[in-house]
Amino acid sequence: MASTNLTKHSAFTPVDILRKEARQHVETGPVTVSYPKDRDVIVEHLGRALATEWVCVLRYLRHAYCITGVVAEPIKAHFLEHAREEQAHAHKLAERIVQLGAEPDLNPATLTQRAHAEYVPGNSTEDMIRENLIAERIAVEAYREFIQFLGDRDPTTRTMLEAILAQEEEHADDLRDLLT
């Protein structure tokens, strides 16, 4: 009896309509009729986040390879760990772009133009740490804005971004600790 009441509730699409709509446009995969109409805007922002992650991977790797000095090894380990985690973020973002029916843009010629963060080489250990911290702060703010933009309209993307945001905040915290 309770399930009958649920199916008649106005907030839920009747089962026969769900079944019919699921059979239409099967080629769109998880993108159903209830997906936000501004999917292209969501994909564009995912693309900017993807570019940002790759720029961060490259900057962290350069810093890991170029850092020198007495304290270089533990900081190098931080940079390499952060680079791996940023690459994992990029992987998730690219997969989500594909799920939403688009293609990830990995063109190296335009990555820095599309990214939120900059690729700054840094000349000293302190410069490298500071530039990575600045980039993490940019990422934190960009992800927060994106999450707020999504609201409840795309819970899958929002949940993924929230997990990435948490890790970006950890990176910023680690880097701040290295500066002090």
N, C-alpha and C. Protein backbone atom coordinates (compact mmCIF):
# COMPACT_ATOMS: atom_id res chain seq x y z
N MET A 1 0.82 -1.19 0.00
CA MET A 1 0.00 0.00 0.00
C MET A 1 0.86 1.26 0.00
N ALA A 2 1.95 1.27 0.78
CA ALA A 2 2.81 2.45 0.84
C ALA A 2 3.44 2.74 -0.52
N SER A 3 3.84 1.71 -1.27
CA SER A 3 4.46 1.95 -2.56
C SER A 3 3.46 2.56 -3.55
N THR A 4 2.21 2.23 -3.45
CA THR A 4 1.19 2.82 -4.30
C THR A 4 1.09 4.31 -4.04
N ASN A 5 1.17 4.71 -2.77
CA ASN A 5 1.12 6.12 -2.43
C ASN A 5 2.34 6.86 -2.99
N LEU A 6 3.51 6.21 -2.98
CA LEU A 6 4.71 6.84 -3.51
C LEU A 6 4.59 7.10 -5.01
N THR A 7 4.05 6.14 -5.74
CA THR A 7 3.97 6.31 -7.19
C THR A 7 2.96 7.37 -7.58
N LYS A 8 2.04 7.70 -6.72
CA LYS A 8 1.05 8.72 -7.03
C LYS A 8 1.49 10.10 -6.57
N HIS A 9 2.60 10.18 -5.83
CA HIS A 9 3.10 11.46 -5.34
C HIS A 9 3.54 12.31 -6.54
N SER A 10 3.18 13.57 -6.56
CA SER A 10 3.43 14.43 -7.72
C SER A 10 4.91 14.72 -7.98
N ALA A 11 5.77 14.52 -7.01
CA ALA A 11 7.19 14.79 -7.21
C ALA A 11 7.89 13.68 -8.00
N PHE A 12 7.23 12.57 -8.19
CA PHE A 12 7.83 11.44 -8.87
C PHE A 12 7.18 11.22 -10.23
N THR A 13 8.01 10.93 -11.22
CA THR A 13 7.51 10.61 -12.55
C THR A 13 6.88 9.23 -12.50
N PRO A 14 5.71 9.07 -13.08
CA PRO A 14 5.09 7.74 -13.12
C PRO A 14 6.00 6.74 -13.83
N VAL A 15 5.98 5.50 -13.38
CA VAL A 15 6.86 4.45 -13.88
C VAL A 15 6.74 4.28 -15.39
N ASP A 16 5.53 4.32 -15.91
CA ASP A 16 5.37 4.11 -17.35
C ASP A 16 6.07 5.21 -18.16
N ILE A 17 6.07 6.43 -17.65
CA ILE A 17 6.76 7.53 -18.33
C ILE A 17 8.27 7.39 -18.18
N LEU A 18 8.74 6.99 -16.99
CA LEU A 18 10.18 6.74 -16.80
C LEU A 18 10.68 5.72 -17.81
N ARG A 19 9.93 4.64 -17.94
CA ARG A 19 10.32 3.56 -18.87
C ARG A 19 10.35 4.06 -20.31
N LYS A 20 9.34 4.82 -20.70
CA LYS A 20 9.26 5.33 -22.06
C LYS A 20 10.41 6.29 -22.36
N GLU A 21 10.67 7.22 -21.44
CA GLU A 21 11.73 8.20 -21.65
C GLU A 21 13.11 7.56 -21.63
N ALA A 22 13.29 6.50 -20.84
CA ALA A 22 14.57 5.80 -20.79
C ALA A 22 14.89 5.14 -22.13
N ARG A 23 13.88 4.74 -22.86
CA ARG A 23 14.07 4.10 -24.17
C ARG A 23 14.36 5.13 -25.26
N GLN A 24 13.99 6.36 -25.04
CA GLN A 24 14.26 7.42 -26.02
C GLN A 24 15.67 7.95 -25.80
N HIS A 25 16.36 8.22 -26.85
CA HIS A 25 17.70 8.82 -26.80
C HIS A 25 18.68 8.00 -25.95
N VAL A 26 18.65 6.71 -26.13
CA VAL A 26 19.53 5.79 -25.38
C VAL A 26 20.99 6.18 -25.56
N GLU A 27 21.33 6.73 -26.72
CA GLU A 27 22.73 7.07 -27.02
C GLU A 27 23.30 8.15 -26.11
N THR A 28 22.44 8.85 -25.36
CA THR A 28 22.95 9.90 -24.46
C THR A 28 23.37 9.34 -23.11
N GLY A 29 23.28 8.03 -22.94
CA GLY A 29 23.76 7.39 -21.71
C GLY A 29 23.08 7.93 -20.47
N PRO A 30 23.86 8.44 -19.51
CA PRO A 30 23.28 8.89 -18.25
C PRO A 30 22.56 10.25 -18.34
N VAL A 31 22.67 10.93 -19.46
CA VAL A 31 22.04 12.24 -19.61
C VAL A 31 20.58 12.02 -20.00
N THR A 32 19.71 12.19 -19.01
CA THR A 32 18.28 11.98 -19.23
C THR A 32 17.56 13.31 -19.38
N VAL A 33 16.25 13.26 -19.60
CA VAL A 33 15.48 14.48 -19.82
C VAL A 33 15.52 15.44 -18.63
N SER A 34 15.76 14.93 -17.44
CA SER A 34 15.77 15.81 -16.27
C SER A 34 17.12 16.48 -16.03
N TYR A 35 18.13 16.14 -16.85
CA TYR A 35 19.45 16.75 -16.67
C TYR A 35 19.33 18.24 -16.98
N PRO A 36 20.09 19.08 -16.28
CA PRO A 36 20.00 20.54 -16.52
C PRO A 36 20.18 20.89 -18.00
N LYS A 37 19.41 21.85 -18.45
CA LYS A 37 19.44 22.26 -19.86
C LYS A 37 20.75 22.95 -20.23
N ASP A 38 21.48 23.45 -19.26
CA ASP A 38 22.74 24.12 -19.54
C ASP A 38 23.93 23.17 -19.41
N ARG A 39 23.74 21.96 -19.90
CA ARG A 39 24.80 20.95 -19.84
C ARG A 39 26.09 21.47 -20.49
N ASP A 40 25.96 22.23 -21.56
CA ASP A 40 27.14 22.76 -22.24
C ASP A 40 27.95 23.69 -21.33
N VAL A 41 27.27 24.43 -20.48
CA VAL A 41 27.95 25.32 -19.53
C VAL A 41 28.67 24.46 -18.48
N ILE A 42 28.02 23.43 -18.01
CA ILE A 42 28.63 22.52 -17.03
C ILE A 42 29.86 21.86 -17.63
N VAL A 43 29.74 21.39 -18.86
CA VAL A 43 30.88 20.76 -19.54
C VAL A 43 32.01 21.77 -19.74
N GLU A 44 31.68 23.00 -20.09
CA GLU A 44 32.70 24.03 -20.26
C GLU A 44 33.48 24.25 -18.96
N HIS A 45 32.77 24.32 -17.84
CA HIS A 45 33.43 24.51 -16.55
C HIS A 45 34.24 23.27 -16.15
N LEU A 46 33.74 22.10 -16.48
CA LEU A 46 34.52 20.88 -16.24
C LEU A 46 35.80 20.93 -17.06
N GLY A 47 35.71 21.42 -18.27
CA GLY A 47 36.89 21.55 -19.13
C GLY A 47 37.92 22.51 -18.57
N ARG A 48 37.45 23.62 -17.98
CA ARG A 48 38.37 24.58 -17.36
C ARG A 48 39.04 23.94 -16.14
N ALA A 49 38.26 23.19 -15.37
CA ALA A 49 38.83 22.48 -14.21
C ALA A 49 39.85 21.44 -14.67
N LEU A 50 39.54 20.74 -15.76
CA LEU A 50 40.46 19.75 -16.31
C LEU A 50 41.77 20.41 -16.73
N ALA A 51 41.69 21.52 -17.43
CA ALA A 51 42.89 22.24 -17.85
C ALA A 51 43.70 22.69 -16.63
N THR A 52 43.00 23.17 -15.61
CA THR A 52 43.66 23.61 -14.38
C THR A 52 44.43 22.46 -13.74
N GLU A 53 43.79 21.31 -13.66
CA GLU A 53 44.45 20.15 -13.04
C GLU A 53 45.71 19.76 -13.80
N TRP A 54 45.64 19.76 -15.15
CA TRP A 54 46.83 19.38 -15.92
C TRP A 54 47.94 20.41 -15.79
N VAL A 55 47.60 21.69 -15.75
CA VAL A 55 48.62 22.72 -15.53
C VAL A 55 49.27 22.50 -14.16
N CYS A 56 48.46 22.16 -13.16
CA CYS A 56 49.01 21.90 -11.81
C CYS A 56 49.89 20.67 -11.80
N VAL A 57 49.50 19.61 -12.51
CA VAL A 57 50.34 18.41 -12.60
C VAL A 57 51.70 18.79 -13.16
N LEU A 58 51.69 19.51 -14.26
CA LEU A 58 52.95 19.87 -14.91
C LEU A 58 53.82 20.78 -14.03
N ARG A 59 53.20 21.74 -13.35
CA ARG A 59 53.96 22.64 -12.48
C ARG A 59 54.55 21.85 -11.31
N TYR A 60 53.74 20.99 -10.67
CA TYR A 60 54.25 20.19 -9.56
C TYR A 60 55.41 19.29 -10.01
N LEU A 61 55.27 18.67 -11.17
CA LEU A 61 56.35 17.81 -11.66
C LEU A 61 57.62 18.61 -11.92
N ARG A 62 57.49 19.76 -12.55
CA ARG A 62 58.67 20.59 -12.79
C ARG A 62 59.34 20.95 -11.48
N HIS A 63 58.54 21.35 -10.51
CA HIS A 63 59.10 21.73 -9.21
C HIS A 63 59.77 20.53 -8.54
N ALA A 64 59.17 19.37 -8.65
CA ALA A 64 59.78 18.16 -8.05
C ALA A 64 61.12 17.85 -8.70
N TYR A 65 61.20 18.02 -10.01
CA TYR A 65 62.45 17.72 -10.72
C TYR A 65 63.53 18.78 -10.46
N CYS A 66 63.12 20.01 -10.23
CA CYS A 66 64.09 21.12 -10.16
C CYS A 66 64.47 21.54 -8.74
N ILE A 67 63.76 21.08 -7.74
CA ILE A 67 64.05 21.52 -6.37
C ILE A 67 65.42 20.98 -5.94
N THR A 68 66.15 21.84 -5.26
CA THR A 68 67.49 21.46 -4.77
C THR A 68 67.66 21.97 -3.35
N GLY A 69 68.67 21.51 -2.70
CA GLY A 69 69.00 22.00 -1.38
C GLY A 69 68.82 20.95 -0.30
N VAL A 70 69.14 21.36 0.91
CA VAL A 70 69.13 20.46 2.05
C VAL A 70 67.75 19.89 2.32
N VAL A 71 66.72 20.69 2.16
CA VAL A 71 65.35 20.26 2.48
C VAL A 71 64.60 19.75 1.24
N ALA A 72 65.31 19.54 0.15
CA ALA A 72 64.65 19.22 -1.12
C ALA A 72 63.87 17.90 -1.09
N GLU A 73 64.41 16.86 -0.52
CA GLU A 73 63.77 15.53 -0.63
C GLU A 73 62.36 15.46 -0.05
N PRO A 74 62.12 15.92 1.17
CA PRO A 74 60.74 15.83 1.67
C PRO A 74 59.77 16.73 0.90
N ILE A 75 60.24 17.87 0.43
CA ILE A 75 59.37 18.77 -0.34
C ILE A 75 59.11 18.16 -1.72
N LYS A 76 60.14 17.58 -2.30
CA LYS A 76 59.98 16.88 -3.58
C LYS A 76 58.92 15.79 -3.45
N ALA A 77 58.95 15.06 -2.35
CA ALA A 77 57.94 14.00 -2.12
C ALA A 77 56.53 14.60 -2.07
N HIS A 78 56.39 15.76 -1.42
CA HIS A 78 55.09 16.45 -1.39
C HIS A 78 54.65 16.81 -2.80
N PHE A 79 55.55 17.39 -3.56
CA PHE A 79 55.22 17.81 -4.93
C PHE A 79 54.80 16.62 -5.79
N LEU A 80 55.52 15.51 -5.68
CA LEU A 80 55.18 14.32 -6.46
C LEU A 80 53.82 13.74 -6.05
N GLU A 81 53.57 13.72 -4.76
CA GLU A 81 52.27 13.23 -4.27
C GLU A 81 51.14 14.12 -4.77
N HIS A 82 51.33 15.41 -4.69
CA HIS A 82 50.30 16.34 -5.17
C HIS A 82 50.09 16.20 -6.67
N ALA A 83 51.17 16.00 -7.41
CA ALA A 83 51.06 15.81 -8.87
C ALA A 83 50.22 14.57 -9.18
N ARG A 84 50.45 13.48 -8.46
CA ARG A 84 49.66 12.25 -8.67
C ARG A 84 48.18 12.49 -8.35
N GLU A 85 47.93 13.20 -7.28
CA GLU A 85 46.54 13.46 -6.89
C GLU A 85 45.85 14.40 -7.88
N GLU A 86 46.58 15.40 -8.38
CA GLU A 86 46.01 16.30 -9.39
C GLU A 86 45.71 15.52 -10.68
N GLN A 87 46.57 14.59 -11.03
CA GLN A 87 46.33 13.76 -12.22
C GLN A 87 45.09 12.89 -12.02
N ALA A 88 44.88 12.39 -10.82
CA ALA A 88 43.67 11.61 -10.53
C ALA A 88 42.42 12.50 -10.65
N HIS A 89 42.53 13.76 -10.23
CA HIS A 89 41.42 14.69 -10.39
C HIS A 89 41.12 14.88 -11.88
N ALA A 90 42.19 15.07 -12.67
CA ALA A 90 42.02 15.26 -14.11
C ALA A 90 41.32 14.06 -14.73
N HIS A 91 41.69 12.89 -14.30
CA HIS A 91 41.07 11.66 -14.81
C HIS A 91 39.57 11.65 -14.53
N LYS A 92 39.19 11.98 -13.30
CA LYS A 92 37.77 12.01 -12.93
C LYS A 92 37.01 13.06 -13.74
N LEU A 93 37.60 14.23 -13.90
CA LEU A 93 36.95 15.30 -14.66
C LEU A 93 36.77 14.89 -16.12
N ALA A 94 37.80 14.30 -16.72
CA ALA A 94 37.70 13.87 -18.11
C ALA A 94 36.62 12.79 -18.28
N GLU A 95 36.58 11.86 -17.35
CA GLU A 95 35.54 10.82 -17.43
C GLU A 95 34.14 11.42 -17.32
N ARG A 96 33.97 12.41 -16.46
CA ARG A 96 32.65 13.03 -16.30
C ARG A 96 32.26 13.79 -17.57
N ILE A 97 33.21 14.46 -18.19
CA ILE A 97 32.95 15.16 -19.45
C ILE A 97 32.43 14.17 -20.49
N VAL A 98 33.07 13.03 -20.58
CA VAL A 98 32.63 12.00 -21.53
C VAL A 98 31.24 11.47 -21.17
N GLN A 99 30.99 11.24 -19.88
CA GLN A 99 29.66 10.79 -19.44
C GLN A 99 28.58 11.77 -19.87
N LEU A 100 28.93 13.04 -19.90
CA LEU A 100 27.95 14.07 -20.26
C LEU A 100 27.86 14.29 -21.76
N GLY A 101 28.50 13.41 -22.52
CA GLY A 101 28.35 13.44 -23.97
C GLY A 101 29.30 14.37 -24.70
N ALA A 102 30.38 14.77 -24.07
CA ALA A 102 31.35 15.67 -24.70
C ALA A 102 32.72 14.99 -24.72
N GLU A 103 33.70 15.70 -25.24
CA GLU A 103 35.06 15.19 -25.28
C GLU A 103 35.98 16.11 -24.50
N PRO A 104 36.87 15.55 -23.70
CA PRO A 104 37.81 16.40 -22.96
C PRO A 104 38.82 17.03 -23.91
N ASP A 105 39.10 18.30 -23.71
CA ASP A 105 40.09 19.01 -24.52
C ASP A 105 41.42 18.96 -23.80
N LEU A 106 42.34 18.18 -24.33
CA LEU A 106 43.66 18.03 -23.74
C LEU A 106 44.74 18.64 -24.62
N ASN A 107 44.35 19.58 -25.46
CA ASN A 107 45.30 20.22 -26.36
C ASN A 107 46.33 21.01 -25.55
N PRO A 108 47.59 20.57 -25.57
CA PRO A 108 48.61 21.24 -24.77
C PRO A 108 48.82 22.70 -25.18
N ALA A 109 48.53 23.02 -26.42
CA ALA A 109 48.75 24.39 -26.91
C ALA A 109 47.83 25.40 -26.23
N THR A 110 46.71 24.94 -25.69
CA THR A 110 45.75 25.89 -25.10
C THR A 110 45.45 25.61 -23.62
N LEU A 111 46.14 24.68 -23.02
CA LEU A 111 45.87 24.33 -21.62
C LEU A 111 45.96 25.54 -20.70
N THR A 112 47.04 26.29 -20.80
CA THR A 112 47.22 27.41 -19.87
C THR A 112 46.20 28.52 -20.10
N GLN A 113 45.70 28.65 -21.31
CA GLN A 113 44.68 29.68 -21.59
C GLN A 113 43.34 29.31 -20.96
N ARG A 114 43.06 28.02 -20.88
CA ARG A 114 41.78 27.56 -20.33
C ARG A 114 41.82 27.33 -18.83
N ALA A 115 43.01 27.22 -18.27
CA ALA A 115 43.16 26.89 -16.85
C ALA A 115 42.92 28.11 -15.97
N HIS A 116 42.46 27.84 -14.77
CA HIS A 116 42.34 28.91 -13.78
C HIS A 116 43.72 29.29 -13.24
N ALA A 117 44.52 28.29 -12.96
CA ALA A 117 45.85 28.51 -12.37
C ALA A 117 46.87 28.77 -13.46
N GLU A 118 47.96 29.39 -13.06
CA GLU A 118 49.04 29.69 -13.99
C GLU A 118 50.16 28.66 -13.83
N TYR A 119 50.96 28.57 -14.87
CA TYR A 119 52.15 27.74 -14.82
C TYR A 119 53.32 28.67 -14.54
N VAL A 120 53.75 28.72 -13.29
CA VAL A 120 54.86 29.59 -12.89
C VAL A 120 56.00 28.69 -12.41
N PRO A 121 57.15 28.74 -13.10
CA PRO A 121 58.25 27.83 -12.76
C PRO A 121 58.77 27.96 -11.34
N GLY A 122 58.93 29.18 -10.84
CA GLY A 122 59.51 29.35 -9.51
C GLY A 122 61.01 29.16 -9.56
N ASN A 123 61.74 30.06 -8.91
CA ASN A 123 63.20 30.02 -8.96
C ASN A 123 63.83 29.41 -7.72
N SER A 124 63.15 29.53 -6.60
CA SER A 124 63.70 29.01 -5.34
C SER A 124 62.68 28.04 -4.74
N THR A 125 63.09 27.33 -3.73
CA THR A 125 62.18 26.42 -3.04
C THR A 125 60.98 27.18 -2.51
N GLU A 126 61.23 28.34 -1.90
CA GLU A 126 60.12 29.13 -1.38
C GLU A 126 59.19 29.60 -2.49
N ASP A 127 59.76 30.02 -3.63
CA ASP A 127 58.92 30.43 -4.77
C ASP A 127 58.05 29.27 -5.25
N MET A 128 58.64 28.09 -5.34
CA MET A 128 57.89 26.92 -5.81
C MET A 128 56.72 26.60 -4.87
N ILE A 129 57.01 26.59 -3.59
CA ILE A 129 55.95 26.31 -2.61
C ILE A 129 54.86 27.38 -2.71
N ARG A 130 55.27 28.63 -2.76
CA ARG A 130 54.32 29.75 -2.82
C ARG A 130 53.46 29.66 -4.09
N GLU A 131 54.06 29.40 -5.23
CA GLU A 131 53.30 29.31 -6.48
C GLU A 131 52.31 28.15 -6.46
N ASN A 132 52.71 27.04 -5.87
CA ASN A 132 51.78 25.91 -5.75
C ASN A 132 50.65 26.24 -4.79
N LEU A 133 50.96 26.94 -3.72
CA LEU A 133 49.93 27.34 -2.77
C LEU A 133 48.95 28.31 -3.42
N ILE A 134 49.46 29.25 -4.18
CA ILE A 134 48.57 30.19 -4.89
C ILE A 134 47.65 29.43 -5.84
N ALA A 135 48.21 28.48 -6.58
CA ALA A 135 47.40 27.69 -7.51
C ALA A 135 46.34 26.88 -6.77
N GLU A 136 46.69 26.32 -5.62
CA GLU A 136 45.71 25.55 -4.84
C GLU A 136 44.59 26.47 -4.34
N ARG A 137 44.95 27.67 -3.92
CA ARG A 137 43.93 28.63 -3.45
C ARG A 137 42.99 29.00 -4.60
N ILE A 138 43.54 29.15 -5.79
CA ILE A 138 42.71 29.44 -6.96
C ILE A 138 41.78 28.27 -7.22
N ALA A 139 42.31 27.06 -7.17
CA ALA A 139 41.49 25.87 -7.40
C ALA A 139 40.38 25.75 -6.36
N VAL A 140 40.71 26.00 -5.10
CA VAL A 140 39.71 25.93 -4.04
C VAL A 140 38.56 26.88 -4.34
N GLU A 141 38.88 28.10 -4.68
CA GLU A 141 37.83 29.09 -4.95
C GLU A 141 37.03 28.72 -6.20
N ALA A 142 37.72 28.28 -7.25
CA ALA A 142 37.03 27.91 -8.49
C ALA A 142 36.09 26.72 -8.26
N TYR A 143 36.53 25.72 -7.50
CA TYR A 143 35.67 24.56 -7.21
C TYR A 143 34.48 24.97 -6.33
N ARG A 144 34.71 25.83 -5.37
CA ARG A 144 33.60 26.31 -4.53
C ARG A 144 32.53 27.00 -5.38
N GLU A 145 32.98 27.87 -6.27
CA GLU A 145 32.03 28.58 -7.14
C GLU A 145 31.28 27.60 -8.04
N PHE A 146 31.97 26.63 -8.58
CA PHE A 146 31.36 25.64 -9.46
C PHE A 146 30.32 24.82 -8.69
N ILE A 147 30.67 24.41 -7.49
CA ILE A 147 29.75 23.64 -6.66
C ILE A 147 28.50 24.46 -6.35
N GLN A 148 28.68 25.72 -6.01
CA GLN A 148 27.52 26.59 -5.75
C GLN A 148 26.67 26.76 -7.00
N PHE A 149 27.31 26.90 -8.15
CA PHE A 149 26.60 27.03 -9.42
C PHE A 149 25.73 25.80 -9.67
N LEU A 150 26.28 24.62 -9.40
CA LEU A 150 25.54 23.38 -9.65
C LEU A 150 24.36 23.20 -8.70
N GLY A 151 24.56 23.59 -7.44
CA GLY A 151 23.49 23.38 -6.46
C GLY A 151 23.04 21.93 -6.48
N ASP A 152 21.73 21.73 -6.57
CA ASP A 152 21.16 20.38 -6.59
C ASP A 152 20.87 19.89 -8.01
N ARG A 153 21.26 20.66 -9.01
CA ARG A 153 20.90 20.32 -10.40
C ARG A 153 21.68 19.14 -10.95
N ASP A 154 22.90 18.91 -10.50
CA ASP A 154 23.72 17.80 -10.98
C ASP A 154 24.47 17.20 -9.79
N PRO A 155 23.78 16.36 -9.01
CA PRO A 155 24.41 15.83 -7.79
C PRO A 155 25.64 14.97 -8.06
N THR A 156 25.71 14.29 -9.19
CA THR A 156 26.88 13.45 -9.48
C THR A 156 28.12 14.31 -9.66
N THR A 157 28.01 15.34 -10.48
CA THR A 157 29.15 16.23 -10.69
C THR A 157 29.49 16.96 -9.40
N ARG A 158 28.47 17.42 -8.68
CA ARG A 158 28.71 18.15 -7.43
C ARG A 158 29.47 17.28 -6.43
N THR A 159 29.05 16.03 -6.26
CA THR A 159 29.70 15.13 -5.31
C THR A 159 31.16 14.90 -5.70
N MET A 160 31.42 14.71 -6.99
CA MET A 160 32.79 14.53 -7.46
C MET A 160 33.62 15.78 -7.16
N LEU A 161 33.05 16.95 -7.44
CA LEU A 161 33.78 18.20 -7.20
C LEU A 161 34.02 18.44 -5.72
N GLU A 162 33.08 18.06 -4.88
CA GLU A 162 33.26 18.22 -3.43
C GLU A 162 34.43 17.38 -2.94
N ALA A 163 34.58 16.17 -3.48
CA ALA A 163 35.71 15.31 -3.08
C ALA A 163 37.03 15.93 -3.56
N ILE A 164 37.03 16.45 -4.78
CA ILE A 164 38.24 17.10 -5.29
C ILE A 164 38.57 18.34 -4.46
N LEU A 165 37.55 19.13 -4.15
CA LEU A 165 37.74 20.33 -3.34
C LEU A 165 38.39 19.99 -1.99
N ALA A 166 37.92 18.94 -1.35
CA ALA A 166 38.48 18.55 -0.06
C ALA A 166 39.98 18.26 -0.18
N GLN A 167 40.36 17.59 -1.27
CA GLN A 167 41.77 17.28 -1.46
C GLN A 167 42.58 18.53 -1.80
N GLU A 168 41.99 19.44 -2.56
CA GLU A 168 42.68 20.71 -2.87
C GLU A 168 42.92 21.51 -1.59
N GLU A 169 41.94 21.49 -0.69
CA GLU A 169 42.12 22.19 0.59
C GLU A 169 43.24 21.55 1.40
N GLU A 170 43.34 20.23 1.36
CA GLU A 170 44.45 19.54 2.04
C GLU A 170 45.79 19.96 1.45
N HIS A 171 45.84 20.04 0.11
CA HIS A 171 47.09 20.46 -0.55
C HIS A 171 47.49 21.86 -0.08
N ALA A 172 46.51 22.77 -0.06
CA ALA A 172 46.80 24.15 0.37
C ALA A 172 47.29 24.16 1.82
N ASP A 173 46.70 23.35 2.65
CA ASP A 173 47.11 23.28 4.05
C ASP A 173 48.54 22.75 4.16
N ASP A 174 48.86 21.68 3.40
CA ASP A 174 50.21 21.13 3.40
C ASP A 174 51.23 22.18 2.97
N LEU A 175 50.90 22.90 1.90
CA LEU A 175 51.85 23.88 1.37
C LEU A 175 52.03 25.06 2.32
N ARG A 176 50.93 25.48 2.95
CA ARG A 176 51.04 26.57 3.93
C ARG A 176 51.98 26.15 5.05
N ASP A 177 51.84 24.89 5.51
CA ASP A 177 52.71 24.40 6.57
C ASP A 177 54.18 24.39 6.13
N LEU A 178 54.43 24.13 4.87
CA LEU A 178 55.82 24.13 4.37
C LEU A 178 56.41 25.54 4.37
N LEU A 179 55.57 26.54 4.21
CA LEU A 179 56.06 27.93 4.18
C LEU A 179 56.37 28.46 5.57
N THR A 180 55.76 27.89 6.59
CA THR A 180 55.94 28.43 7.95
C THR A 180 57.03 27.72 8.71
